[in-house]
Amino acid sequence: MYIRKIDKTRLKSVLKVHRTVIGRSDDVFRNIFFKDGEISATDGCLRVFSKVDFKFPGRFAVNSDVLWAFVKHSQDQIEMNLKKGAVELSSADMTMFIKETEAVFPVKEECSIDLTQMGKEFLKGLDFVSRALDEDDFVEVHSQKDVIGFLGKTKGIIGIFVHKRKEGQYWTGKVPFQSVRRLYKACEDFSEFRLLGGKEDLCVEVHRTFFNVCKEEVERAVKFPEFFEGERVDRRRILKIFEKVNDILGKADVYFIMENGRVVVYGRKRGIEFRVEENINYEGGFRTVVSARKFRTFLSLMPGRYLYIGEKGEVVRFRDRNGQFFIVTKRIT
């Protein structure tokens, strides 16, 4: 017999992260796994492993909803009593028995390629490139010499986040949208992140917690946009225009035109034609087609008051003041 008291607050914070990773996965991935001094969970691609201060002499799995309900209704401390082939959890008037399992546990890949360390900008960059994507889209990660970047492509719009660093190792891969969004939400309460690359996974290490995200190969290497001067316009003005268009036309594709000192955004949907036109101080000239909702999302996540626009060949580039966040669209004639 082995009795250990578990702090409810600590266990609840760990379970919150693991339940976020599971998301709304089907029943195959609803379990929380306990083995040695580690708790783990998976959505089938994203896996999370958290170190805890108590050990399990055995392998246990329990439905995350059931365990969450037990912890929610428990008092400040939960007593864990290990018996042969089972673990007993008790608190006040509640007792729950969990039998040992032969279920397949999530597998941790110890990624060996040290990519970079980041603070909260990791979350901002991940959110920027992924929020507007569709369920079947991917986020690409490219580690090149003195820069690591995230890239999300959707319906003709490319969102890019670039993080400068000291010279590092080359690594590249793409990870699925749903697992990226779950990773982002699971990490919201953390502030320091270490990124590593593995043969089959992208890895993120935070305080006593380790994430693996399955990756696929990228078809070709990416050259990130170089810093350009560009013409400065008020980002909030453009965003306000797209908020109006989004409210009327939603996901519809719209023409986005800036020329002759005017900005024009217009499109059609189900017999409705909607147009917003304003004067603006802009000397260049371009035309492009974008999804109203997706472009609005990228714009809303771009930091700073001003947007810097650069036209180069067949593309139009938009950046923030520091050249970390980019939106790229294709020019039309």
Protein backbone atom coordinates (compact mmCIF):
# COMPACT_ATOMS: atom_id res chain seq x y z
CA MET A 1 0.00 0.00 0.00
CA TYR A 2 1.23 3.49 -0.90
CA ILE A 3 -0.64 6.62 0.14
CA ARG A 4 0.12 10.06 -1.28
CA LYS A 5 -1.70 13.36 -1.03
CA ILE A 6 -2.11 15.26 -4.30
CA ASP A 7 -2.63 19.00 -4.47
CA LYS A 8 -5.91 19.69 -6.27
CA THR A 9 -4.74 23.03 -7.75
CA ARG A 10 -1.62 21.50 -9.34
CA LEU A 11 -3.50 18.48 -10.72
CA LYS A 12 -6.28 20.71 -12.08
CA SER A 13 -3.80 22.97 -13.91
CA VAL A 14 -2.13 19.93 -15.51
CA LEU A 15 -5.48 18.45 -16.52
CA LYS A 16 -6.56 21.76 -18.07
CA VAL A 17 -3.58 21.62 -20.45
CA HIS A 18 -4.14 17.96 -21.29
CA ARG A 19 -7.87 18.39 -21.91
CA THR A 20 -7.08 21.27 -24.25
CA VAL A 21 -4.77 18.99 -26.22
CA ILE A 22 -7.49 16.34 -26.48
CA GLY A 23 -10.03 18.95 -27.60
CA ARG A 24 -13.14 17.42 -29.11
CA SER A 25 -11.37 14.31 -30.30
CA ASP A 26 -13.35 11.13 -30.72
CA ASP A 27 -13.55 8.48 -27.98
CA VAL A 28 -10.25 6.89 -29.06
CA PHE A 29 -8.35 9.92 -27.71
CA ARG A 30 -10.44 10.84 -24.64
CA ASN A 31 -8.09 9.32 -22.05
CA ILE A 32 -5.57 10.83 -19.67
CA PHE A 33 -2.63 8.47 -19.11
CA PHE A 34 -0.58 7.99 -15.92
CA LYS A 35 2.78 6.22 -15.88
CA ASP A 36 5.69 6.62 -13.45
CA GLY A 37 5.84 10.33 -12.59
CA GLU A 38 4.28 11.53 -15.82
CA ILE A 39 0.80 12.36 -17.12
CA SER A 40 0.16 12.31 -20.87
CA ALA A 41 -2.58 12.81 -23.47
CA THR A 42 -2.93 13.01 -27.25
CA ASP A 43 -5.31 14.06 -30.03
CA GLY A 44 -3.64 11.55 -32.35
CA CYS A 45 -1.01 14.02 -33.58
CA LEU A 46 -0.31 16.45 -30.74
CA ARG A 47 0.98 14.76 -27.58
CA VAL A 48 1.63 16.32 -24.17
CA PHE A 49 3.69 14.98 -21.28
CA SER A 50 3.76 16.63 -17.83
CA LYS A 51 6.02 15.79 -14.91
CA VAL A 52 4.25 15.46 -11.54
CA ASP A 53 5.46 15.01 -7.96
CA PHE A 54 3.97 11.58 -7.45
CA LYS A 55 4.65 8.25 -9.14
CA PHE A 56 2.36 5.50 -10.33
CA PRO A 57 3.79 1.98 -10.00
CA GLY A 58 1.84 0.83 -12.99
CA ARG A 59 0.05 2.11 -16.08
CA PHE A 60 -3.35 3.75 -15.73
CA ALA A 61 -5.76 5.44 -18.13
CA VAL A 62 -8.97 7.26 -17.30
CA ASN A 63 -11.51 9.20 -19.35
CA SER A 64 -10.61 12.89 -19.12
CA ASP A 65 -14.20 14.02 -18.53
CA VAL A 66 -14.61 11.59 -15.64
CA LEU A 67 -11.32 12.59 -14.00
CA TRP A 68 -12.03 16.30 -14.47
CA ALA A 69 -15.43 15.93 -12.79
CA PHE A 70 -13.87 14.08 -9.84
CA VAL A 71 -11.16 16.73 -9.36
CA LYS A 72 -13.68 19.58 -9.74
CA HIS A 73 -15.85 18.21 -6.91
CA SER A 74 -12.96 17.24 -4.64
CA GLN A 75 -11.58 19.22 -1.71
CA ASP A 76 -8.17 20.94 -1.68
CA GLN A 77 -6.30 17.64 -1.44
CA ILE A 78 -6.88 14.28 -3.06
CA GLU A 79 -5.61 11.12 -1.44
CA MET A 80 -4.08 8.52 -3.75
CA ASN A 81 -3.94 4.97 -2.44
CA LEU A 82 -2.12 2.46 -4.64
CA LYS A 83 -3.25 -1.12 -4.45
CA LYS A 84 -2.34 -4.15 -6.47
CA GLY A 85 -3.54 -3.58 -10.01
CA ALA A 86 -5.46 -0.41 -9.19
CA VAL A 87 -5.27 3.13 -7.85
CA GLU A 88 -7.83 4.56 -5.47
CA LEU A 89 -8.51 8.30 -5.48
CA SER A 90 -10.50 9.71 -2.57
CA SER A 91 -11.59 13.12 -1.30
CA ALA A 92 -14.16 13.76 1.39
CA ASP A 93 -17.17 11.57 0.54
CA MET A 94 -15.92 10.48 -2.92
CA THR A 95 -13.87 7.44 -3.93
CA MET A 96 -12.88 6.34 -7.41
CA PHE A 97 -10.98 3.19 -8.44
CA ILE A 98 -8.91 3.06 -11.63
CA LYS A 99 -7.60 -0.29 -12.81
CA GLU A 100 -4.28 -0.82 -14.56
CA THR A 101 -4.51 -0.79 -18.34
CA GLU A 102 -2.80 -2.34 -21.33
CA ALA A 103 -3.81 0.59 -23.55
CA VAL A 104 -1.28 2.07 -25.96
CA PHE A 105 0.24 5.17 -24.38
CA PRO A 106 1.35 8.30 -26.27
CA VAL A 107 4.97 8.00 -27.42
CA LYS A 108 7.39 10.82 -26.69
CA GLU A 109 10.03 11.76 -29.25
CA GLU A 110 13.06 13.39 -27.66
CA CYS A 111 13.80 16.01 -30.31
CA SER A 112 17.54 16.68 -30.61
CA ILE A 113 17.76 19.77 -32.86
CA ASP A 114 17.73 22.93 -30.74
CA LEU A 115 15.86 25.55 -32.77
CA THR A 116 15.34 28.56 -30.50
CA GLN A 117 13.92 29.94 -27.28
CA MET A 118 11.09 32.47 -27.27
CA GLY A 119 8.81 34.29 -24.88
CA LYS A 120 5.20 35.24 -25.49
CA GLU A 121 6.03 36.19 -29.09
CA PHE A 122 5.91 32.45 -29.81
CA LEU A 123 2.18 32.45 -29.04
CA LYS A 124 1.57 35.69 -30.94
CA GLY A 125 3.32 34.32 -34.02
CA LEU A 126 1.58 30.96 -33.86
CA ASP A 127 -1.81 32.63 -33.47
CA PHE A 128 -1.14 35.08 -36.30
CA VAL A 129 -0.29 32.47 -38.93
CA SER A 130 -2.93 29.90 -37.92
CA ARG A 131 -6.16 31.56 -36.78
CA ALA A 132 -7.52 32.26 -40.28
CA LEU A 133 -6.69 28.81 -41.66
CA ASP A 134 -9.16 26.06 -42.57
CA GLU A 135 -9.28 22.63 -40.94
CA ASP A 136 -7.32 20.93 -43.73
CA ASP A 137 -4.55 23.56 -43.79
CA PHE A 138 -1.05 23.31 -42.32
CA VAL A 139 1.40 25.63 -40.59
CA GLU A 140 4.92 25.41 -41.96
CA VAL A 141 7.95 25.84 -39.71
CA HIS A 142 11.29 26.76 -41.28
CA SER A 143 14.57 27.08 -39.39
CA GLN A 144 17.22 28.79 -41.54
CA LYS A 145 20.58 30.15 -40.35
CA ASP A 146 19.72 33.19 -38.19
CA VAL A 147 15.93 33.04 -38.47
CA ILE A 148 13.04 30.72 -37.67
CA GLY A 149 9.65 31.40 -39.18
CA PHE A 150 6.06 30.17 -39.16
CA LEU A 151 3.98 30.29 -42.33
CA GLY A 152 0.26 29.74 -42.91
CA LYS A 153 -1.32 29.67 -46.39
CA THR A 154 -5.04 29.86 -47.05
CA LYS A 155 -7.06 30.85 -50.13
CA GLY A 156 -4.41 33.04 -51.71
CA ILE A 157 -3.25 34.73 -48.50
CA ILE A 158 0.04 33.91 -46.78
CA GLY A 159 0.66 34.89 -43.16
CA ILE A 160 4.28 34.84 -41.98
CA PHE A 161 5.90 35.32 -38.57
CA VAL A 162 9.69 35.71 -38.46
CA HIS A 163 11.86 35.40 -35.34
CA LYS A 164 15.49 36.49 -35.52
CA ARG A 165 18.03 34.53 -33.49
CA LYS A 166 21.69 33.62 -33.38
CA GLU A 167 22.78 31.17 -36.04
CA GLY A 168 20.96 27.87 -35.62
CA GLN A 169 20.42 24.54 -37.30
CA TYR A 170 18.34 23.88 -40.40
CA TRP A 171 14.97 22.17 -39.86
CA THR A 172 11.67 22.26 -41.69
CA GLY A 173 8.25 20.64 -41.52
CA LYS A 174 4.53 21.33 -41.60
CA VAL A 175 2.04 20.59 -38.82
CA PRO A 176 -1.77 20.29 -39.07
CA PHE A 177 -4.03 23.24 -38.28
CA GLN A 178 -6.13 21.62 -35.54
CA SER A 179 -3.12 20.45 -33.53
CA VAL A 180 -1.50 23.89 -33.91
CA ARG A 181 -4.60 25.59 -32.51
CA ARG A 182 -4.75 23.15 -29.60
CA LEU A 183 -1.06 23.69 -28.92
CA TYR A 184 -1.61 27.46 -28.90
CA LYS A 185 -4.54 27.23 -26.46
CA ALA A 186 -2.75 24.71 -24.22
CA CYS A 187 0.26 27.05 -23.91
CA GLU A 188 -1.61 30.29 -23.15
CA ASP A 189 -0.67 30.24 -19.46
CA PHE A 190 3.05 29.71 -20.16
CA SER A 191 5.56 32.47 -20.95
CA GLU A 192 8.85 30.79 -21.92
CA PHE A 193 9.20 28.26 -24.73
CA ARG A 194 12.01 26.14 -26.12
CA LEU A 195 11.51 24.84 -29.66
CA LEU A 196 13.22 21.69 -30.89
CA GLY A 197 13.11 19.71 -34.10
CA GLY A 198 12.93 15.94 -34.40
CA LYS A 199 12.85 13.38 -37.17
CA GLU A 200 9.07 13.01 -37.00
CA ASP A 201 7.92 15.85 -34.70
CA LEU A 202 8.16 19.49 -33.79
CA CYS A 203 8.74 19.71 -30.04
CA VAL A 204 7.93 22.51 -27.60
CA GLU A 205 9.28 22.45 -24.05
CA VAL A 206 7.82 24.60 -21.27
CA HIS A 207 7.88 24.38 -17.48
CA ARG A 208 7.71 20.66 -16.61
CA THR A 209 5.67 20.02 -19.77
CA PHE A 210 6.75 18.70 -23.16
CA PHE A 211 4.75 18.78 -26.41
CA ASN A 212 5.25 16.66 -29.54
CA VAL A 213 3.46 17.68 -32.77
CA CYS A 214 3.53 15.28 -35.71
CA LYS A 215 4.97 16.85 -38.85
CA GLU A 216 4.97 16.20 -42.56
CA GLU A 217 7.63 17.07 -45.08
CA VAL A 218 7.49 20.45 -46.79
CA GLU A 219 7.51 20.36 -50.58
CA ARG A 220 10.09 23.12 -50.97
CA ALA A 221 12.14 25.55 -48.93
CA VAL A 222 10.77 29.02 -48.29
CA LYS A 223 12.56 32.33 -48.63
CA PHE A 224 11.17 34.68 -46.02
CA PRO A 225 10.37 38.27 -47.02
CA GLU A 226 13.24 40.66 -46.54
CA PHE A 227 12.66 43.86 -44.62
CA PHE A 228 11.36 46.55 -46.95
CA GLU A 229 10.61 50.22 -46.33
CA GLY A 230 7.15 50.34 -47.90
CA GLU A 231 4.50 53.05 -47.68
CA ARG A 232 2.94 53.58 -44.28
CA VAL A 233 -0.84 53.56 -43.84
CA ASP A 234 -3.04 53.42 -40.77
CA ARG A 235 -3.72 49.73 -40.16
CA ARG A 236 -6.84 50.52 -38.17
CA ARG A 237 -8.45 52.29 -41.15
CA ILE A 238 -7.94 49.28 -43.41
CA LEU A 239 -9.11 46.93 -40.65
CA LYS A 240 -12.29 48.96 -40.12
CA ILE A 241 -13.09 48.71 -43.84
CA PHE A 242 -12.64 44.94 -43.77
CA GLU A 243 -14.75 44.63 -40.63
CA LYS A 244 -17.63 46.30 -42.51
CA VAL A 245 -17.13 44.08 -45.55
CA ASN A 246 -16.87 40.95 -43.40
CA ASP A 247 -20.11 41.77 -41.59
CA ILE A 248 -21.93 41.99 -44.93
CA LEU A 249 -20.12 39.45 -47.15
CA GLY A 250 -18.48 37.07 -44.65
CA LYS A 251 -16.10 34.60 -46.26
CA ALA A 252 -16.71 35.86 -49.79
CA ASP A 253 -13.74 36.82 -51.95
CA VAL A 254 -13.50 40.58 -52.51
CA TYR A 255 -11.46 42.94 -54.63
CA PHE A 256 -9.01 45.00 -52.60
CA ILE A 257 -7.72 48.00 -54.55
CA MET A 258 -5.42 50.84 -53.51
CA GLU A 259 -4.59 53.36 -56.26
CA ASN A 260 -5.01 57.01 -57.19
CA GLY A 261 -5.28 57.99 -53.53
CA ARG A 262 -8.28 55.71 -52.94
CA VAL A 263 -8.86 52.42 -51.17
CA VAL A 264 -11.74 50.33 -52.53
CA VAL A 265 -13.01 46.97 -51.27
CA TYR A 266 -16.01 45.39 -52.97
CA GLY A 267 -17.56 42.03 -53.66
CA ARG A 268 -20.76 40.05 -54.24
CA LYS A 269 -22.62 37.34 -52.34
CA ARG A 270 -26.04 35.78 -53.04
CA GLY A 271 -27.27 38.66 -55.17
CA ILE A 272 -25.83 41.33 -52.86
CA GLU A 273 -23.09 43.68 -54.04
CA PHE A 274 -21.31 45.69 -51.35
CA ARG A 275 -18.63 48.35 -51.70
CA VAL A 276 -16.58 50.52 -49.33
CA GLU A 277 -14.50 53.37 -50.75
CA GLU A 278 -12.38 55.97 -48.98
CA ASN A 279 -9.66 58.50 -49.69
CA ILE A 280 -6.24 57.46 -48.40
CA ASN A 281 -2.72 58.84 -48.54
CA TYR A 282 -1.04 56.15 -50.64
CA GLU A 283 1.12 56.82 -53.68
CA GLY A 284 1.48 53.27 -54.96
CA GLY A 285 -1.11 51.19 -56.75
CA PHE A 286 -2.20 47.55 -56.61
CA ARG A 287 -5.18 45.26 -57.03
CA THR A 288 -5.64 41.92 -55.31
CA VAL A 289 -8.42 39.47 -54.41
CA VAL A 290 -8.73 38.17 -50.84
CA SER A 291 -11.21 36.46 -48.57
CA ALA A 292 -12.82 39.29 -46.59
CA ARG A 293 -12.94 37.31 -43.35
CA LYS A 294 -9.48 35.82 -43.58
CA PHE A 295 -7.79 39.09 -44.50
CA ARG A 296 -9.62 40.83 -41.66
CA THR A 297 -8.35 38.14 -39.26
CA PHE A 298 -4.73 38.58 -40.34
CA LEU A 299 -5.04 42.37 -40.10
CA SER A 300 -6.58 42.21 -36.63
CA LEU A 301 -3.62 40.17 -35.32
CA MET A 302 -0.94 42.37 -36.90
CA PRO A 303 0.62 44.43 -34.06
CA GLY A 304 1.03 48.19 -34.08
CA ARG A 305 -0.89 51.15 -35.41
CA TYR A 306 0.68 51.26 -38.86
CA LEU A 307 0.85 48.91 -41.80
CA TYR A 308 3.74 49.10 -44.27
CA ILE A 309 2.92 48.10 -47.85
CA GLY A 310 5.45 47.03 -50.46
CA GLU A 311 4.71 46.02 -54.04
CA LYS A 312 7.15 43.64 -55.67
CA GLY A 313 6.52 41.90 -58.98
CA GLU A 314 3.43 39.72 -58.74
CA VAL A 315 2.92 40.08 -54.98
CA VAL A 316 1.82 42.71 -52.50
CA ARG A 317 3.44 42.56 -49.06
CA PHE A 318 2.15 44.03 -45.80
CA ARG A 319 4.31 44.15 -42.66
CA ASP A 320 4.32 45.51 -39.13
CA ARG A 321 6.78 48.16 -37.99
CA ASN A 322 9.42 45.67 -36.81
CA GLY A 323 9.25 43.34 -39.80
CA GLN A 324 8.18 40.27 -37.79
CA PHE A 325 4.64 39.87 -39.10
CA PHE A 326 3.90 39.72 -42.85
CA ILE A 327 0.83 39.25 -45.04
CA VAL A 328 1.46 38.37 -48.68
CA THR A 329 -1.16 38.36 -51.46
CA LYS A 330 -1.01 37.92 -55.21
CA ARG A 331 -1.38 40.95 -57.43
CA ILE A 332 -3.95 40.99 -60.23
CA THR A 333 -4.16 43.19 -63.30
